[in-house]
Amino acid sequence: MRPKLLVPIALFVSGIALISLAVASGEADVSLFLIFPVFSGSSALFVLGTVLILLSFVAGFAFLALGQHELVVSSLPWADKTACRGEPETKTKYGGVVLIGPIPVAFGSDTKIAWAMLAVGIAVAITLLVLILFSL
């Protein structure tokens, strides 16, 4: 994994942890709208967690844009190509998960990544359901 990708992941996990801490301490509330969890609060922990989650999206998109820029620059005819020097070419793998209510939908560039994303989606869905059940 590239070190640049750890920044948005760390921001997102930190934001989730702060919001969970705010809910656990009673400074924030969790409710359901249809099947979607809704978090609300005005404490410093909740606001900081929300800001960290938003910053993780901004950082993630910024690093994606920088990666695309590096890809375009390396494909220029006058750019130094690593494949010409006999170095192995690396293949990028990707994956993701979308929660539709409590149901995770996983996708990936290969089956190993897709299964890993499904495991992450199930873990997040179970965590949200536990938070909702214990907050009632």
N, C-alpha and C. Protein backbone atom coordinates (compact mmCIF):
# COMPACT_ATOMS: atom_id res chain seq x y z
N MET A 1 0.85 -1.18 0.00
CA MET A 1 0.00 0.00 0.00
C MET A 1 0.89 1.24 0.00
N ARG A 2 0.50 2.22 -0.75
CA ARG A 2 1.27 3.46 -0.83
C ARG A 2 1.08 4.27 0.45
N PRO A 3 2.16 4.91 0.93
CA PRO A 3 2.05 5.69 2.16
C PRO A 3 1.06 6.86 2.05
N LYS A 4 0.89 7.38 0.84
CA LYS A 4 -0.05 8.49 0.66
C LYS A 4 -1.48 8.07 1.00
N LEU A 5 -1.82 6.81 0.75
CA LEU A 5 -3.17 6.34 1.00
C LEU A 5 -3.47 6.19 2.49
N LEU A 6 -2.45 6.12 3.31
CA LEU A 6 -2.68 5.97 4.74
C LEU A 6 -3.22 7.24 5.38
N VAL A 7 -2.95 8.39 4.80
CA VAL A 7 -3.43 9.66 5.38
C VAL A 7 -4.95 9.74 5.36
N PRO A 8 -5.63 9.56 4.21
CA PRO A 8 -7.09 9.62 4.25
C PRO A 8 -7.71 8.51 5.09
N ILE A 9 -7.11 7.33 5.07
CA ILE A 9 -7.64 6.24 5.87
C ILE A 9 -7.53 6.56 7.35
N ALA A 10 -6.38 7.09 7.77
CA ALA A 10 -6.19 7.44 9.18
C ALA A 10 -7.16 8.56 9.60
N LEU A 11 -7.37 9.55 8.74
CA LEU A 11 -8.31 10.62 9.05
C LEU A 11 -9.73 10.07 9.20
N PHE A 12 -10.13 9.18 8.29
CA PHE A 12 -11.48 8.62 8.33
C PHE A 12 -11.69 7.77 9.59
N VAL A 13 -10.74 6.90 9.89
CA VAL A 13 -10.86 6.05 11.08
C VAL A 13 -10.86 6.89 12.35
N SER A 14 -10.04 7.93 12.39
CA SER A 14 -10.03 8.82 13.56
C SER A 14 -11.36 9.53 13.71
N GLY A 15 -11.94 9.98 12.62
CA GLY A 15 -13.24 10.64 12.67
C GLY A 15 -14.33 9.71 13.16
N ILE A 16 -14.34 8.47 12.66
CA ILE A 16 -15.32 7.47 13.10
C ILE A 16 -15.14 7.20 14.60
N ALA A 17 -13.88 7.10 15.05
CA ALA A 17 -13.61 6.82 16.46
C ALA A 17 -14.12 7.97 17.34
N LEU A 18 -13.89 9.22 16.92
CA LEU A 18 -14.35 10.36 17.71
C LEU A 18 -15.88 10.44 17.76
N ILE A 19 -16.53 10.17 16.65
CA ILE A 19 -18.00 10.19 16.64
C ILE A 19 -18.53 9.05 17.50
N SER A 20 -17.90 7.88 17.44
CA SER A 20 -18.32 6.76 18.28
C SER A 20 -18.13 7.09 19.76
N LEU A 21 -17.04 7.75 20.09
CA LEU A 21 -16.79 8.16 21.46
C LEU A 21 -17.83 9.17 21.93
N ALA A 22 -18.21 10.09 21.04
CA ALA A 22 -19.24 11.07 21.39
C ALA A 22 -20.59 10.40 21.61
N VAL A 23 -20.91 9.40 20.80
CA VAL A 23 -22.17 8.67 20.97
C VAL A 23 -22.14 7.87 22.26
N ALA A 24 -21.00 7.20 22.53
CA ALA A 24 -20.89 6.38 23.73
C ALA A 24 -20.96 7.21 25.01
N SER A 25 -20.44 8.44 24.97
CA SER A 25 -20.46 9.29 26.16
C SER A 25 -21.76 10.08 26.29
N GLY A 26 -22.66 9.96 25.33
CA GLY A 26 -23.94 10.64 25.40
C GLY A 26 -23.93 12.06 24.86
N GLU A 27 -22.84 12.48 24.25
CA GLU A 27 -22.74 13.83 23.71
C GLU A 27 -23.32 13.93 22.30
N ALA A 28 -23.64 12.78 21.69
CA ALA A 28 -24.23 12.75 20.36
C ALA A 28 -25.31 11.67 20.34
N ASP A 29 -26.21 11.76 19.38
CA ASP A 29 -27.32 10.82 19.28
C ASP A 29 -27.25 10.07 17.95
N VAL A 30 -27.81 8.86 17.97
CA VAL A 30 -27.96 8.06 16.76
C VAL A 30 -29.43 7.72 16.62
N SER A 31 -29.96 7.94 15.44
CA SER A 31 -31.35 7.58 15.18
C SER A 31 -31.43 6.97 13.78
N LEU A 32 -32.57 6.40 13.47
CA LEU A 32 -32.78 5.80 12.16
C LEU A 32 -33.79 6.60 11.36
N PHE A 33 -33.47 6.85 10.12
CA PHE A 33 -34.41 7.41 9.17
C PHE A 33 -34.60 6.35 8.10
N LEU A 34 -35.76 5.73 8.09
CA LEU A 34 -36.02 4.54 7.29
C LEU A 34 -35.04 3.46 7.72
N ILE A 35 -34.03 3.18 6.92
CA ILE A 35 -33.02 2.20 7.31
C ILE A 35 -31.64 2.83 7.43
N PHE A 36 -31.55 4.14 7.34
CA PHE A 36 -30.28 4.83 7.34
C PHE A 36 -29.98 5.41 8.72
N PRO A 37 -28.79 5.14 9.26
CA PRO A 37 -28.43 5.73 10.55
C PRO A 37 -28.14 7.22 10.39
N VAL A 38 -28.62 8.01 11.34
CA VAL A 38 -28.41 9.45 11.34
C VAL A 38 -27.72 9.82 12.65
N PHE A 39 -26.57 10.44 12.56
CA PHE A 39 -25.83 10.88 13.73
C PHE A 39 -26.02 12.38 13.90
N SER A 40 -26.27 12.82 15.12
CA SER A 40 -26.42 14.25 15.37
C SER A 40 -25.81 14.58 16.72
N GLY A 41 -25.21 15.74 16.81
CA GLY A 41 -24.59 16.18 18.04
C GLY A 41 -23.96 17.54 17.85
N SER A 42 -23.61 18.15 18.95
CA SER A 42 -22.97 19.47 18.88
C SER A 42 -21.76 19.57 19.79
N SER A 43 -21.31 18.45 20.33
CA SER A 43 -20.13 18.48 21.20
C SER A 43 -18.86 18.64 20.36
N ALA A 44 -17.79 18.97 21.04
CA ALA A 44 -16.51 19.16 20.34
C ALA A 44 -16.03 17.85 19.71
N LEU A 45 -16.25 16.72 20.40
CA LEU A 45 -15.84 15.42 19.84
C LEU A 45 -16.59 15.13 18.55
N PHE A 46 -17.88 15.36 18.54
CA PHE A 46 -18.69 15.08 17.35
C PHE A 46 -18.28 15.98 16.19
N VAL A 47 -18.10 17.27 16.47
CA VAL A 47 -17.73 18.21 15.41
C VAL A 47 -16.34 17.88 14.86
N LEU A 48 -15.40 17.56 15.76
CA LEU A 48 -14.05 17.21 15.30
C LEU A 48 -14.06 15.92 14.48
N GLY A 49 -14.86 14.94 14.90
CA GLY A 49 -14.99 13.71 14.13
C GLY A 49 -15.56 13.95 12.74
N THR A 50 -16.57 14.81 12.67
CA THR A 50 -17.17 15.14 11.38
C THR A 50 -16.17 15.86 10.47
N VAL A 51 -15.42 16.78 11.06
CA VAL A 51 -14.41 17.52 10.28
C VAL A 51 -13.33 16.56 9.77
N LEU A 52 -12.90 15.62 10.61
CA LEU A 52 -11.88 14.66 10.17
C LEU A 52 -12.38 13.77 9.03
N ILE A 53 -13.65 13.36 9.11
CA ILE A 53 -14.21 12.55 8.02
C ILE A 53 -14.27 13.36 6.72
N LEU A 54 -14.68 14.60 6.79
CA LEU A 54 -14.71 15.45 5.59
C LEU A 54 -13.31 15.67 5.05
N LEU A 55 -12.33 15.89 5.95
CA LEU A 55 -10.94 16.06 5.50
C LEU A 55 -10.40 14.78 4.85
N SER A 56 -10.86 13.62 5.32
CA SER A 56 -10.40 12.37 4.70
C SER A 56 -10.87 12.28 3.25
N PHE A 57 -12.11 12.73 2.98
CA PHE A 57 -12.59 12.73 1.59
C PHE A 57 -11.78 13.71 0.74
N VAL A 58 -11.53 14.90 1.27
CA VAL A 58 -10.75 15.90 0.52
C VAL A 58 -9.35 15.37 0.25
N ALA A 59 -8.70 14.80 1.28
CA ALA A 59 -7.35 14.27 1.11
C ALA A 59 -7.34 13.10 0.12
N GLY A 60 -8.34 12.24 0.21
CA GLY A 60 -8.41 11.10 -0.71
C GLY A 60 -8.54 11.54 -2.15
N PHE A 61 -9.44 12.49 -2.40
CA PHE A 61 -9.60 12.98 -3.77
C PHE A 61 -8.35 13.72 -4.25
N ALA A 62 -7.68 14.45 -3.34
CA ALA A 62 -6.46 15.16 -3.73
C ALA A 62 -5.36 14.17 -4.11
N PHE A 63 -5.20 13.11 -3.31
CA PHE A 63 -4.18 12.12 -3.63
C PHE A 63 -4.52 11.34 -4.90
N LEU A 64 -5.81 11.11 -5.16
CA LEU A 64 -6.20 10.48 -6.42
C LEU A 64 -5.85 11.38 -7.60
N ALA A 65 -6.11 12.67 -7.46
CA ALA A 65 -5.78 13.61 -8.54
C ALA A 65 -4.27 13.66 -8.76
N LEU A 66 -3.50 13.67 -7.68
CA LEU A 66 -2.04 13.68 -7.83
C LEU A 66 -1.55 12.40 -8.49
N GLY A 67 -2.16 11.27 -8.13
CA GLY A 67 -1.78 10.00 -8.76
C GLY A 67 -2.08 9.99 -10.25
N GLN A 68 -3.23 10.55 -10.64
CA GLN A 68 -3.57 10.64 -12.05
C GLN A 68 -2.61 11.56 -12.78
N HIS A 69 -2.22 12.65 -12.13
CA HIS A 69 -1.27 13.58 -12.74
C HIS A 69 0.07 12.88 -12.97
N GLU A 70 0.54 12.12 -11.96
CA GLU A 70 1.80 11.38 -12.12
C GLU A 70 1.69 10.35 -13.24
N LEU A 71 0.53 9.72 -13.36
CA LEU A 71 0.31 8.73 -14.41
C LEU A 71 0.39 9.37 -15.79
N VAL A 72 -0.22 10.53 -15.95
CA VAL A 72 -0.20 11.23 -17.24
C VAL A 72 1.21 11.69 -17.57
N VAL A 73 1.91 12.23 -16.59
CA VAL A 73 3.26 12.72 -16.83
C VAL A 73 4.18 11.55 -17.20
N SER A 74 4.02 10.40 -16.54
CA SER A 74 4.90 9.27 -16.85
C SER A 74 4.60 8.66 -18.22
N SER A 75 3.41 8.92 -18.78
CA SER A 75 3.09 8.35 -20.08
C SER A 75 3.51 9.25 -21.24
N LEU A 76 4.06 10.40 -20.95
CA LEU A 76 4.53 11.28 -22.02
C LEU A 76 5.71 10.65 -22.74
N PRO A 77 5.86 10.91 -24.02
CA PRO A 77 6.92 10.23 -24.80
C PRO A 77 8.32 10.53 -24.29
N TRP A 78 8.58 11.71 -23.75
CA TRP A 78 9.92 12.06 -23.32
C TRP A 78 10.16 11.70 -21.85
N ALA A 79 9.17 11.16 -21.17
CA ALA A 79 9.32 10.79 -19.76
C ALA A 79 10.14 9.52 -19.63
N ASP A 80 10.84 9.38 -18.51
CA ASP A 80 11.64 8.21 -18.24
C ASP A 80 10.72 7.05 -17.90
N LYS A 81 10.80 5.99 -18.65
CA LYS A 81 9.94 4.84 -18.43
C LYS A 81 10.71 3.76 -17.69
N THR A 82 10.11 3.21 -16.62
CA THR A 82 10.79 2.17 -15.85
C THR A 82 10.75 0.83 -16.59
N ALA A 83 9.75 0.62 -17.46
CA ALA A 83 9.64 -0.66 -18.16
C ALA A 83 10.81 -0.85 -19.13
N CYS A 84 11.36 0.26 -19.67
CA CYS A 84 12.45 0.16 -20.62
C CYS A 84 13.74 -0.29 -19.93
N ARG A 85 13.86 -0.05 -18.61
CA ARG A 85 15.08 -0.41 -17.90
C ARG A 85 15.01 -1.81 -17.32
N GLY A 86 13.95 -2.54 -17.60
CA GLY A 86 13.84 -3.90 -17.11
C GLY A 86 13.24 -4.03 -15.73
N GLU A 87 12.77 -2.94 -15.14
CA GLU A 87 12.15 -3.02 -13.82
C GLU A 87 10.72 -3.54 -13.98
N PRO A 88 10.24 -4.30 -13.01
CA PRO A 88 8.89 -4.86 -13.14
C PRO A 88 7.83 -3.76 -13.08
N GLU A 89 6.82 -3.95 -13.89
CA GLU A 89 5.71 -2.99 -13.93
C GLU A 89 4.68 -3.41 -12.88
N THR A 90 4.24 -2.46 -12.06
CA THR A 90 3.27 -2.79 -11.02
C THR A 90 1.86 -2.54 -11.52
N LYS A 91 0.95 -3.43 -11.14
CA LYS A 91 -0.44 -3.29 -11.52
C LYS A 91 -1.22 -2.75 -10.32
N THR A 92 -2.01 -1.74 -10.54
CA THR A 92 -2.79 -1.14 -9.48
C THR A 92 -4.05 -1.96 -9.25
N LYS A 93 -4.29 -2.28 -7.98
CA LYS A 93 -5.51 -2.98 -7.61
C LYS A 93 -6.41 -1.99 -6.87
N TYR A 94 -7.70 -2.12 -7.06
CA TYR A 94 -8.63 -1.21 -6.41
C TYR A 94 -9.85 -1.98 -5.94
N GLY A 95 -10.57 -1.36 -5.03
CA GLY A 95 -11.80 -1.96 -4.54
C GLY A 95 -12.56 -0.96 -3.70
N GLY A 96 -13.79 -1.28 -3.41
CA GLY A 96 -14.61 -0.40 -2.60
C GLY A 96 -15.85 -1.11 -2.11
N VAL A 97 -16.53 -0.44 -1.22
CA VAL A 97 -17.77 -0.98 -0.68
C VAL A 97 -18.77 0.16 -0.54
N VAL A 98 -20.02 -0.14 -0.87
CA VAL A 98 -21.11 0.83 -0.74
C VAL A 98 -22.14 0.20 0.19
N LEU A 99 -22.52 0.95 1.22
CA LEU A 99 -23.55 0.46 2.13
C LEU A 99 -24.89 1.01 1.68
N ILE A 100 -25.78 0.12 1.31
CA ILE A 100 -27.15 0.50 0.96
C ILE A 100 -27.99 0.09 2.16
N GLY A 101 -28.17 1.05 3.06
CA GLY A 101 -28.78 0.72 4.34
C GLY A 101 -27.79 -0.16 5.08
N PRO A 102 -28.21 -1.28 5.59
CA PRO A 102 -27.28 -2.18 6.29
C PRO A 102 -26.64 -3.23 5.37
N ILE A 103 -26.90 -3.16 4.08
CA ILE A 103 -26.42 -4.19 3.15
C ILE A 103 -25.18 -3.68 2.41
N PRO A 104 -24.02 -4.36 2.60
CA PRO A 104 -22.81 -3.94 1.89
C PRO A 104 -22.77 -4.49 0.46
N VAL A 105 -22.38 -3.65 -0.48
CA VAL A 105 -22.17 -4.06 -1.87
C VAL A 105 -20.70 -3.80 -2.17
N ALA A 106 -19.94 -4.86 -2.43
CA ALA A 106 -18.50 -4.75 -2.61
C ALA A 106 -18.12 -4.91 -4.07
N PHE A 107 -17.03 -4.26 -4.47
CA PHE A 107 -16.49 -4.42 -5.82
C PHE A 107 -14.98 -4.29 -5.74
N GLY A 108 -14.31 -4.82 -6.75
CA GLY A 108 -12.85 -4.74 -6.78
C GLY A 108 -12.30 -5.18 -8.11
N SER A 109 -11.02 -4.92 -8.32
CA SER A 109 -10.37 -5.28 -9.57
C SER A 109 -10.09 -6.78 -9.67
N ASP A 110 -10.03 -7.47 -8.54
CA ASP A 110 -9.93 -8.92 -8.54
C ASP A 110 -10.73 -9.47 -7.36
N THR A 111 -10.89 -10.77 -7.31
CA THR A 111 -11.77 -11.36 -6.29
C THR A 111 -11.21 -11.21 -4.88
N LYS A 112 -9.90 -11.23 -4.73
CA LYS A 112 -9.30 -11.08 -3.40
C LYS A 112 -9.63 -9.72 -2.80
N ILE A 113 -9.51 -8.68 -3.59
CA ILE A 113 -9.84 -7.33 -3.12
C ILE A 113 -11.34 -7.22 -2.85
N ALA A 114 -12.16 -7.79 -3.72
CA ALA A 114 -13.62 -7.72 -3.54
C ALA A 114 -14.04 -8.41 -2.24
N TRP A 115 -13.46 -9.56 -1.94
CA TRP A 115 -13.79 -10.26 -0.69
C TRP A 115 -13.33 -9.45 0.52
N ALA A 116 -12.17 -8.82 0.42
CA ALA A 116 -11.68 -7.98 1.52
C ALA A 116 -12.63 -6.79 1.74
N MET A 117 -13.10 -6.18 0.66
CA MET A 117 -14.04 -5.07 0.78
C MET A 117 -15.38 -5.52 1.37
N LEU A 118 -15.80 -6.73 1.01
CA LEU A 118 -17.03 -7.27 1.58
C LEU A 118 -16.89 -7.47 3.08
N ALA A 119 -15.72 -7.95 3.52
CA ALA A 119 -15.48 -8.12 4.95
C ALA A 119 -15.50 -6.78 5.67
N VAL A 120 -14.90 -5.76 5.06
CA VAL A 120 -14.93 -4.42 5.65
C VAL A 120 -16.37 -3.90 5.72
N GLY A 121 -17.13 -4.10 4.68
CA GLY A 121 -18.52 -3.65 4.65
C GLY A 121 -19.37 -4.32 5.71
N ILE A 122 -19.18 -5.63 5.89
CA ILE A 122 -19.92 -6.35 6.92
C ILE A 122 -19.53 -5.85 8.30
N ALA A 123 -18.25 -5.61 8.53
CA ALA A 123 -17.79 -5.10 9.83
C ALA A 123 -18.39 -3.73 10.13
N VAL A 124 -18.42 -2.85 9.13
CA VAL A 124 -18.99 -1.51 9.32
C VAL A 124 -20.50 -1.61 9.57
N ALA A 125 -21.20 -2.47 8.84
CA ALA A 125 -22.63 -2.63 9.03
C ALA A 125 -22.95 -3.16 10.42
N ILE A 126 -22.19 -4.14 10.88
CA ILE A 126 -22.41 -4.69 12.22
C ILE A 126 -22.12 -3.62 13.28
N THR A 127 -21.04 -2.86 13.11
CA THR A 127 -20.71 -1.80 14.06
C THR A 127 -21.83 -0.77 14.13
N LEU A 128 -22.35 -0.35 12.99
CA LEU A 128 -23.44 0.62 12.99
C LEU A 128 -24.69 0.06 13.65
N LEU A 129 -25.02 -1.20 13.36
CA LEU A 129 -26.20 -1.81 13.99
C LEU A 129 -26.04 -1.92 15.50
N VAL A 130 -24.85 -2.27 15.97
CA VAL A 130 -24.60 -2.36 17.41
C VAL A 130 -24.73 -0.97 18.05
N LEU A 131 -24.17 0.05 17.41
CA LEU A 131 -24.29 1.41 17.93
C LEU A 131 -25.74 1.85 18.00
N ILE A 132 -26.51 1.51 17.00
CA ILE A 132 -27.91 1.91 16.99
C ILE A 132 -28.69 1.16 18.05
N LEU A 133 -28.46 -0.13 18.20
CA LEU A 133 -29.18 -0.93 19.18
C LEU A 133 -28.86 -0.52 20.61
N PHE A 134 -27.60 -0.21 20.89
CA PHE A 134 -27.22 0.17 22.25
C PHE A 134 -27.54 1.61 22.60
N SER A 135 -27.85 2.43 21.61
CA SER A 135 -28.18 3.82 21.89
C SER A 135 -29.66 3.99 22.23
N LEU A 136 -30.50 2.97 21.98
CA LEU A 136 -31.93 3.07 22.27
C LEU A 136 -32.22 2.97 23.70
